[in-house]
Amino acid sequence: MVEPIDPDQLTLILKAASDPTRRAILTHLAQEGPARVTEIAARFVISLNAVSKHIMVLERAGLVSRKTHWREHLIEVLMQPLGEIDR
């Protein structure tokens, strides 16, 4: 039996994925693999701080994970929550 996705989590996922900048971040990570926040920010004409905030929204929705080693933050896309939407 397939368990239904939590409606609150579904709302977080859909809101996070509704923004064009966040979708571009997800697309970049899906195509290129994990990247540092600074590498992601270099692709946009917005500030590093703005990109960081977009990444935090994606993290709260469970669409990306962050691995921190000292000052380096490596961001990786998580495809499983997107698959939940298909269900």
PDB file of N, CA and C in Angstrom:
ATOM      1  N   MET A   1       0.837  -1.183   0.000  1.00  0.00           N
ATOM      2  CA  MET A   1       0.000   0.000   0.000  1.00  0.00           C
ATOM      3  C   MET A   1       0.881   1.246   0.000  1.00  0.00           C
ATOM      4  N   VAL A   2       0.541   2.215  -0.825  1.00  0.00           N
ATOM      5  CA  VAL A   2       1.302   3.453  -0.925  1.00  0.00           C
ATOM      6  C   VAL A   2       0.732   4.446   0.077  1.00  0.00           C
ATOM      7  N   GLU A   3       1.617   4.972   0.926  1.00  0.00           N
ATOM      8  CA  GLU A   3       1.176   5.959   1.909  1.00  0.00           C
ATOM      9  C   GLU A   3       1.067   7.322   1.262  1.00  0.00           C
ATOM     10  N   PRO A   4       0.025   8.068   1.587  1.00  0.00           N
ATOM     11  CA  PRO A   4      -0.120   9.406   1.002  1.00  0.00           C
ATOM     12  C   PRO A   4       0.940  10.355   1.565  1.00  0.00           C
ATOM     13  N   ILE A   5       1.326  11.314   0.740  1.00  0.00           N
ATOM     14  CA  ILE A   5       2.290  12.316   1.182  1.00  0.00           C
ATOM     15  C   ILE A   5       1.588  13.294   2.125  1.00  0.00           C
ATOM     16  N   ASP A   6       2.301  13.746   3.107  1.00  0.00           N
ATOM     17  CA  ASP A   6       1.786  14.722   4.054  1.00  0.00           C
ATOM     18  C   ASP A   6       1.410  16.002   3.296  1.00  0.00           C
ATOM     19  N   PRO A   7       0.189  16.489   3.444  1.00  0.00           N
ATOM     20  CA  PRO A   7      -0.243  17.681   2.707  1.00  0.00           C
ATOM     21  C   PRO A   7       0.636  18.911   2.983  1.00  0.00           C
ATOM     22  N   ASP A   8       1.116  19.053   4.216  1.00  0.00           N
ATOM     23  CA  ASP A   8       1.987  20.189   4.538  1.00  0.00           C
ATOM     24  C   ASP A   8       3.313  20.085   3.796  1.00  0.00           C
ATOM     25  N   GLN A   9       3.857  18.877   3.712  1.00  0.00           N
ATOM     26  CA  GLN A   9       5.111  18.676   2.985  1.00  0.00           C
ATOM     27  C   GLN A   9       4.900  18.908   1.493  1.00  0.00           C
ATOM     28  N   LEU A  10       3.778  18.450   0.975  1.00  0.00           N
ATOM     29  CA  LEU A  10       3.464  18.674  -0.429  1.00  0.00           C
ATOM     30  C   LEU A  10       3.383  20.172  -0.723  1.00  0.00           C
ATOM     31  N   THR A  11       2.781  20.921   0.174  1.00  0.00           N
ATOM     32  CA  THR A  11       2.691  22.377   0.009  1.00  0.00           C
ATOM     33  C   THR A  11       4.078  22.998  -0.020  1.00  0.00           C
ATOM     34  N   LEU A  12       4.965  22.576   0.882  1.00  0.00           N
ATOM     35  CA  LEU A  12       6.340  23.089   0.899  1.00  0.00           C
ATOM     36  C   LEU A  12       7.063  22.794  -0.410  1.00  0.00           C
ATOM     37  N   ILE A  13       6.908  21.583  -0.905  1.00  0.00           N
ATOM     38  CA  ILE A  13       7.575  21.174  -2.150  1.00  0.00           C
ATOM     39  C   ILE A  13       7.071  22.009  -3.318  1.00  0.00           C
ATOM     40  N   LEU A  14       5.751  22.136  -3.431  1.00  0.00           N
ATOM     41  CA  LEU A  14       5.181  22.868  -4.559  1.00  0.00           C
ATOM     42  C   LEU A  14       5.518  24.357  -4.497  1.00  0.00           C
ATOM     43  N   LYS A  15       5.486  24.951  -3.307  1.00  0.00           N
ATOM     44  CA  LYS A  15       5.848  26.369  -3.175  1.00  0.00           C
ATOM     45  C   LYS A  15       7.320  26.581  -3.524  1.00  0.00           C
ATOM     46  N   ALA A  16       8.172  25.688  -3.056  1.00  0.00           N
ATOM     47  CA  ALA A  16       9.600  25.821  -3.340  1.00  0.00           C
ATOM     48  C   ALA A  16       9.874  25.701  -4.830  1.00  0.00           C
ATOM     49  N   ALA A  17       9.204  24.766  -5.472  1.00  0.00           N
ATOM     50  CA  ALA A  17       9.440  24.525  -6.898  1.00  0.00           C
ATOM     51  C   ALA A  17       8.719  25.526  -7.792  1.00  0.00           C
ATOM     52  N   SER A  18       7.860  26.357  -7.233  1.00  0.00           N
ATOM     53  CA  SER A  18       7.103  27.307  -8.056  1.00  0.00           C
ATOM     54  C   SER A  18       7.928  28.516  -8.481  1.00  0.00           C
ATOM     55  N   ASP A  19       9.029  28.780  -7.790  1.00  0.00           N
ATOM     56  CA  ASP A  19       9.848  29.951  -8.106  1.00  0.00           C
ATOM     57  C   ASP A  19      10.832  29.628  -9.234  1.00  0.00           C
ATOM     58  N   PRO A  20      10.926  30.478 -10.264  1.00  0.00           N
ATOM     59  CA  PRO A  20      11.821  30.195 -11.399  1.00  0.00           C
ATOM     60  C   PRO A  20      13.301  30.093 -11.007  1.00  0.00           C
ATOM     61  N   THR A  21      13.740  30.902 -10.058  1.00  0.00           N
ATOM     62  CA  THR A  21      15.147  30.831  -9.632  1.00  0.00           C
ATOM     63  C   THR A  21      15.422  29.506  -8.948  1.00  0.00           C
ATOM     64  N   ARG A  22      14.523  29.078  -8.090  1.00  0.00           N
ATOM     65  CA  ARG A  22      14.717  27.796  -7.398  1.00  0.00           C
ATOM     66  C   ARG A  22      14.652  26.635  -8.379  1.00  0.00           C
ATOM     67  N   ARG A  23      13.770  26.712  -9.385  1.00  0.00           N
ATOM     68  CA  ARG A  23      13.729  25.657 -10.403  1.00  0.00           C
ATOM     69  C   ARG A  23      15.038  25.630 -11.180  1.00  0.00           C
ATOM     70  N   ALA A  24      15.606  26.798 -11.458  1.00  0.00           N
ATOM     71  CA  ALA A  24      16.887  26.855 -12.175  1.00  0.00           C
ATOM     72  C   ALA A  24      17.998  26.241 -11.321  1.00  0.00           C
ATOM     73  N   ILE A  25      17.968  26.483 -10.019  1.00  0.00           N
ATOM     74  CA  ILE A  25      18.959  25.879  -9.119  1.00  0.00           C
ATOM     75  C   ILE A  25      18.813  24.360  -9.140  1.00  0.00           C
ATOM     76  N   LEU A  26      17.577  23.867  -9.031  1.00  0.00           N
ATOM     77  CA  LEU A  26      17.343  22.421  -9.054  1.00  0.00           C
ATOM     78  C   LEU A  26      17.793  21.801 -10.374  1.00  0.00           C
ATOM     79  N   THR A  27      17.488  22.466 -11.475  1.00  0.00           N
ATOM     80  CA  THR A  27      17.888  21.964 -12.793  1.00  0.00           C
ATOM     81  C   THR A  27      19.400  21.889 -12.901  1.00  0.00           C
ATOM     82  N   HIS A  28      20.077  22.950 -12.458  1.00  0.00           N
ATOM     83  CA  HIS A  28      21.548  22.968 -12.503  1.00  0.00           C
ATOM     84  C   HIS A  28      22.128  21.816 -11.690  1.00  0.00           C
ATOM     85  N   LEU A  29      21.621  21.625 -10.474  1.00  0.00           N
ATOM     86  CA  LEU A  29      22.143  20.558  -9.616  1.00  0.00           C
ATOM     87  C   LEU A  29      21.835  19.177 -10.183  1.00  0.00           C
ATOM     88  N   ALA A  30      20.664  19.020 -10.785  1.00  0.00           N
ATOM     89  CA  ALA A  30      20.298  17.727 -11.372  1.00  0.00           C
ATOM     90  C   ALA A  30      21.181  17.400 -12.577  1.00  0.00           C
ATOM     91  N   GLN A  31      21.534  18.412 -13.357  1.00  0.00           N
ATOM     92  CA  GLN A  31      22.326  18.186 -14.565  1.00  0.00           C
ATOM     93  C   GLN A  31      23.824  18.118 -14.280  1.00  0.00           C
ATOM     94  N   GLU A  32      24.294  18.946 -13.364  1.00  0.00           N
ATOM     95  CA  GLU A  32      25.734  19.074 -13.128  1.00  0.00           C
ATOM     96  C   GLU A  32      26.225  18.359 -11.874  1.00  0.00           C
ATOM     97  N   GLY A  33      25.321  17.983 -10.996  1.00  0.00           N
ATOM     98  CA  GLY A  33      25.724  17.335  -9.756  1.00  0.00           C
ATOM     99  C   GLY A  33      25.919  18.351  -8.643  1.00  0.00           C
ATOM    100  N   PRO A  34      26.344  17.877  -7.477  1.00  0.00           N
ATOM    101  CA  PRO A  34      26.506  18.752  -6.317  1.00  0.00           C
ATOM    102  C   PRO A  34      27.433  19.939  -6.622  1.00  0.00           C
ATOM    103  N   ALA A  35      27.135  21.072  -5.981  1.00  0.00           N
ATOM    104  CA  ALA A  35      27.935  22.273  -6.198  1.00  0.00           C
ATOM    105  C   ALA A  35      27.982  23.099  -4.925  1.00  0.00           C
ATOM    106  N   ARG A  36      29.031  23.917  -4.817  1.00  0.00           N
ATOM    107  CA  ARG A  36      29.142  24.848  -3.694  1.00  0.00           C
ATOM    108  C   ARG A  36      28.162  25.998  -3.915  1.00  0.00           C
ATOM    109  N   VAL A  37      27.758  26.608  -2.821  1.00  0.00           N
ATOM    110  CA  VAL A  37      26.818  27.722  -2.894  1.00  0.00           C
ATOM    111  C   VAL A  37      27.380  28.830  -3.792  1.00  0.00           C
ATOM    112  N   THR A  38      28.652  29.108  -3.667  1.00  0.00           N
ATOM    113  CA  THR A  38      29.261  30.170  -4.478  1.00  0.00           C
ATOM    114  C   THR A  38      29.229  29.830  -5.966  1.00  0.00           C
ATOM    115  N   GLU A  39      29.378  28.556  -6.304  1.00  0.00           N
ATOM    116  CA  GLU A  39      29.301  28.134  -7.710  1.00  0.00           C
ATOM    117  C   GLU A  39      27.878  28.314  -8.243  1.00  0.00           C
ATOM    118  N   ILE A  40      26.907  28.001  -7.416  1.00  0.00           N
ATOM    119  CA  ILE A  40      25.512  28.174  -7.821  1.00  0.00           C
ATOM    120  C   ILE A  40      25.220  29.660  -8.004  1.00  0.00           C
ATOM    121  N   ALA A  41      25.651  30.470  -7.056  1.00  0.00           N
ATOM    122  CA  ALA A  41      25.379  31.913  -7.098  1.00  0.00           C
ATOM    123  C   ALA A  41      26.008  32.577  -8.316  1.00  0.00           C
ATOM    124  N   ALA A  42      27.124  32.060  -8.787  1.00  0.00           N
ATOM    125  CA  ALA A  42      27.817  32.652  -9.935  1.00  0.00           C
ATOM    126  C   ALA A  42      26.972  32.589 -11.202  1.00  0.00           C
ATOM    127  N   ARG A  43      25.981  31.738 -11.236  1.00  0.00           N
ATOM    128  CA  ARG A  43      25.126  31.570 -12.418  1.00  0.00           C
ATOM    129  C   ARG A  43      23.982  32.584 -12.471  1.00  0.00           C
ATOM    130  N   PHE A  44      23.817  33.360 -11.426  1.00  0.00           N
ATOM    131  CA  PHE A  44      22.673  34.271 -11.322  1.00  0.00           C
ATOM    132  C   PHE A  44      23.135  35.719 -11.146  1.00  0.00           C
ATOM    133  N   VAL A  45      22.243  36.645 -11.471  1.00  0.00           N
ATOM    134  CA  VAL A  45      22.552  38.068 -11.325  1.00  0.00           C
ATOM    135  C   VAL A  45      22.025  38.616 -10.000  1.00  0.00           C
ATOM    136  N   ILE A  46      21.703  37.725  -9.077  1.00  0.00           N
ATOM    137  CA  ILE A  46      21.275  38.134  -7.744  1.00  0.00           C
ATOM    138  C   ILE A  46      22.414  37.884  -6.768  1.00  0.00           C
ATOM    139  N   SER A  47      22.292  38.427  -5.578  1.00  0.00           N
ATOM    140  CA  SER A  47      23.370  38.337  -4.591  1.00  0.00           C
ATOM    141  C   SER A  47      23.540  36.911  -4.049  1.00  0.00           C
ATOM    142  N   LEU A  48      24.703  36.671  -3.501  1.00  0.00           N
ATOM    143  CA  LEU A  48      24.992  35.388  -2.844  1.00  0.00           C
ATOM    144  C   LEU A  48      23.988  35.153  -1.720  1.00  0.00           C
ATOM    145  N   ASN A  49      23.663  36.212  -0.982  1.00  0.00           N
ATOM    146  CA  ASN A  49      22.699  36.108   0.112  1.00  0.00           C
ATOM    147  C   ASN A  49      21.326  35.674  -0.412  1.00  0.00           C
ATOM    148  N   ALA A  50      20.904  36.225  -1.532  1.00  0.00           N
ATOM    149  CA  ALA A  50      19.612  35.852  -2.115  1.00  0.00           C
ATOM    150  C   ALA A  50      19.611  34.387  -2.549  1.00  0.00           C
ATOM    151  N   VAL A  51      20.700  33.947  -3.157  1.00  0.00           N
ATOM    152  CA  VAL A  51      20.802  32.540  -3.568  1.00  0.00           C
ATOM    153  C   VAL A  51      20.774  31.643  -2.342  1.00  0.00           C
ATOM    154  N   SER A  52      21.451  32.037  -1.286  1.00  0.00           N
ATOM    155  CA  SER A  52      21.443  31.260  -0.037  1.00  0.00           C
ATOM    156  C   SER A  52      20.035  31.109   0.507  1.00  0.00           C
ATOM    157  N   LYS A  53      19.260  32.186   0.435  1.00  0.00           N
ATOM    158  CA  LYS A  53      17.875  32.117   0.922  1.00  0.00           C
ATOM    159  C   LYS A  53      17.044  31.172   0.062  1.00  0.00           C
ATOM    160  N   HIS A  54      17.248  31.206  -1.246  1.00  0.00           N
ATOM    161  CA  HIS A  54      16.540  30.265  -2.123  1.00  0.00           C
ATOM    162  C   HIS A  54      16.915  28.830  -1.768  1.00  0.00           C
ATOM    163  N   ILE A  55      18.180  28.591  -1.512  1.00  0.00           N
ATOM    164  CA  ILE A  55      18.643  27.240  -1.157  1.00  0.00           C
ATOM    165  C   ILE A  55      18.024  26.795   0.167  1.00  0.00           C
ATOM    166  N   MET A  56      17.887  27.713   1.118  1.00  0.00           N
ATOM    167  CA  MET A  56      17.265  27.362   2.401  1.00  0.00           C
ATOM    168  C   MET A  56      15.806  26.946   2.213  1.00  0.00           C
ATOM    169  N   VAL A  57      15.090  27.605   1.310  1.00  0.00           N
ATOM    170  CA  VAL A  57      13.705  27.223   1.012  1.00  0.00           C
ATOM    171  C   VAL A  57      13.681  25.806   0.430  1.00  0.00           C
ATOM    172  N   LEU A  58      14.606  25.532  -0.488  1.00  0.00           N
ATOM    173  CA  LEU A  58      14.693  24.192  -1.082  1.00  0.00           C
ATOM    174  C   LEU A  58      15.045  23.144  -0.031  1.00  0.00           C
ATOM    175  N   GLU A  59      15.900  23.506   0.915  1.00  0.00           N
ATOM    176  CA  GLU A  59      16.249  22.575   2.003  1.00  0.00           C
ATOM    177  C   GLU A  59      15.034  22.258   2.868  1.00  0.00           C
ATOM    178  N   ARG A  60      14.288  23.292   3.257  1.00  0.00           N
ATOM    179  CA  ARG A  60      13.096  23.076   4.098  1.00  0.00           C
ATOM    180  C   ARG A  60      12.080  22.183   3.397  1.00  0.00           C
ATOM    181  N   ALA A  61      12.017  22.268   2.077  1.00  0.00           N
ATOM    182  CA  ALA A  61      11.088  21.437   1.312  1.00  0.00           C
ATOM    183  C   ALA A  61      11.640  20.036   1.087  1.00  0.00           C
ATOM    184  N   GLY A  62      12.901  19.810   1.449  1.00  0.00           N
ATOM    185  CA  GLY A  62      13.512  18.493   1.268  1.00  0.00           C
ATOM    186  C   GLY A  62      13.979  18.234  -0.152  1.00  0.00           C
ATOM    187  N   LEU A  63      14.121  19.304  -0.959  1.00  0.00           N
ATOM    188  CA  LEU A  63      14.526  19.140  -2.357  1.00  0.00           C
ATOM    189  C   LEU A  63      16.038  19.170  -2.552  1.00  0.00           C
ATOM    190  N   VAL A  64      16.764  19.681  -1.576  1.00  0.00           N
ATOM    191  CA  VAL A  64      18.230  19.650  -1.627  1.00  0.00           C
ATOM    192  C   VAL A  64      18.759  19.314  -0.238  1.00  0.00           C
ATOM    193  N   SER A  65      19.987  18.827  -0.209  1.00  0.00           N
ATOM    194  CA  SER A  65      20.670  18.605   1.064  1.00  0.00           C
ATOM    195  C   SER A  65      21.972  19.395   1.044  1.00  0.00           C
ATOM    196  N   ARG A  66      22.435  19.726   2.224  1.00  0.00           N
ATOM    197  CA  ARG A  66      23.656  20.512   2.369  1.00  0.00           C
ATOM    198  C   ARG A  66      24.646  19.710   3.207  1.00  0.00           C
ATOM    199  N   LYS A  67      25.844  19.577   2.679  1.00  0.00           N
ATOM    200  CA  LYS A  67      26.934  18.956   3.434  1.00  0.00           C
ATOM    201  C   LYS A  67      27.947  20.056   3.699  1.00  0.00           C
ATOM    202  N   THR A  68      28.297  20.230   4.955  1.00  0.00           N
ATOM    203  CA  THR A  68      29.207  21.298   5.330  1.00  0.00           C
ATOM    204  C   THR A  68      30.530  20.705   5.802  1.00  0.00           C
ATOM    205  N   HIS A  69      31.598  21.211   5.230  1.00  0.00           N
ATOM    206  CA  HIS A  69      32.936  20.845   5.665  1.00  0.00           C
ATOM    207  C   HIS A  69      33.713  22.144   5.814  1.00  0.00           C
ATOM    208  N   TRP A  70      33.945  22.518   7.065  1.00  0.00           N
ATOM    209  CA  TRP A  70      34.543  23.808   7.394  1.00  0.00           C
ATOM    210  C   TRP A  70      33.673  24.914   6.833  1.00  0.00           C
ATOM    211  N   ARG A  71      34.201  25.712   5.936  1.00  0.00           N
ATOM    212  CA  ARG A  71      33.418  26.820   5.375  1.00  0.00           C
ATOM    213  C   ARG A  71      32.774  26.456   4.044  1.00  0.00           C
ATOM    214  N   GLU A  72      33.038  25.281   3.555  1.00  0.00           N
ATOM    215  CA  GLU A  72      32.487  24.857   2.271  1.00  0.00           C
ATOM    216  C   GLU A  72      31.133  24.194   2.476  1.00  0.00           C
ATOM    217  N   HIS A  73      30.140  24.677   1.735  1.00  0.00           N
ATOM    218  CA  HIS A  73      28.795  24.114   1.786  1.00  0.00           C
ATOM    219  C   HIS A  73      28.496  23.512   0.415  1.00  0.00           C
ATOM    220  N   LEU A  74      28.342  22.210   0.372  1.00  0.00           N
ATOM    221  CA  LEU A  74      28.066  21.507  -0.874  1.00  0.00           C
ATOM    222  C   LEU A  74      26.574  21.174  -0.922  1.00  0.00           C
ATOM    223  N   ILE A  75      25.924  21.608  -1.988  1.00  0.00           N
ATOM    224  CA  ILE A  75      24.481  21.429  -2.141  1.00  0.00           C
ATOM    225  C   ILE A  75      24.220  20.339  -3.169  1.00  0.00           C
ATOM    226  N   GLU A  76      23.311  19.434  -2.825  1.00  0.00           N
ATOM    227  CA  GLU A  76      22.983  18.314  -3.712  1.00  0.00           C
ATOM    228  C   GLU A  76      21.461  18.204  -3.848  1.00  0.00           C
ATOM    229  N   VAL A  77      20.994  17.965  -5.065  1.00  0.00           N
ATOM    230  CA  VAL A  77      19.551  17.820  -5.301  1.00  0.00           C
ATOM    231  C   VAL A  77      19.081  16.461  -4.792  1.00  0.00           C
ATOM    232  N   LEU A  78      17.876  16.436  -4.241  1.00  0.00           N
ATOM    233  CA  LEU A  78      17.239  15.201  -3.788  1.00  0.00           C
ATOM    234  C   LEU A  78      16.002  14.982  -4.650  1.00  0.00           C
ATOM    235  N   MET A  79      16.013  13.959  -5.458  1.00  0.00           N
ATOM    236  CA  MET A  79      14.939  13.731  -6.418  1.00  0.00           C
ATOM    237  C   MET A  79      13.715  13.056  -5.801  1.00  0.00           C
ATOM    238  N   GLN A  80      13.877  12.373  -4.691  1.00  0.00           N
ATOM    239  CA  GLN A  80      12.789  11.593  -4.086  1.00  0.00           C
ATOM    240  C   GLN A  80      11.543  12.443  -3.805  1.00  0.00           C
ATOM    241  N   PRO A  81      11.661  13.664  -3.233  1.00  0.00           N
ATOM    242  CA  PRO A  81      10.439  14.439  -2.988  1.00  0.00           C
ATOM    243  C   PRO A  81       9.690  14.786  -4.280  1.00  0.00           C
ATOM    244  N   LEU A  82      10.409  14.981  -5.368  1.00  0.00           N
ATOM    245  CA  LEU A  82       9.744  15.254  -6.636  1.00  0.00           C
ATOM    246  C   LEU A  82       8.983  14.025  -7.120  1.00  0.00           C
ATOM    247  N   GLY A  83       9.518  12.855  -6.835  1.00  0.00           N
ATOM    248  CA  GLY A  83       8.835  11.621  -7.177  1.00  0.00           C
ATOM    249  C   GLY A  83       7.553  11.444  -6.371  1.00  0.00           C
ATOM    250  N   GLU A  84       7.541  11.987  -5.146  1.00  0.00           N
ATOM    251  CA  GLU A  84       6.348  11.915  -4.312  1.00  0.00           C
ATOM    252  C   GLU A  84       5.182  12.649  -4.960  1.00  0.00           C
ATOM    253  N   ILE A  85       5.493  13.717  -5.672  1.00  0.00           N
ATOM    254  CA  ILE A  85       4.440  14.484  -6.332  1.00  0.00           C
ATOM    255  C   ILE A  85       3.776  13.643  -7.404  1.00  0.00           C
ATOM    256  N   ASP A  86       4.559  12.825  -8.102  1.00  0.00           N
ATOM    257  CA  ASP A  86       4.004  11.955  -9.144  1.00  0.00           C
ATOM    258  C   ASP A  86       2.996  10.954  -8.590  1.00  0.00           C
ATOM    259  N   ARG A  87       3.245  10.550  -7.338  1.00  0.00           N
ATOM    260  CA  ARG A  87       2.316   9.584  -6.742  1.00  0.00           C
ATOM    261  C   ARG A  87       0.978  10.235  -6.595  1.00  0.00           C
TER     262      ARG A  87
END
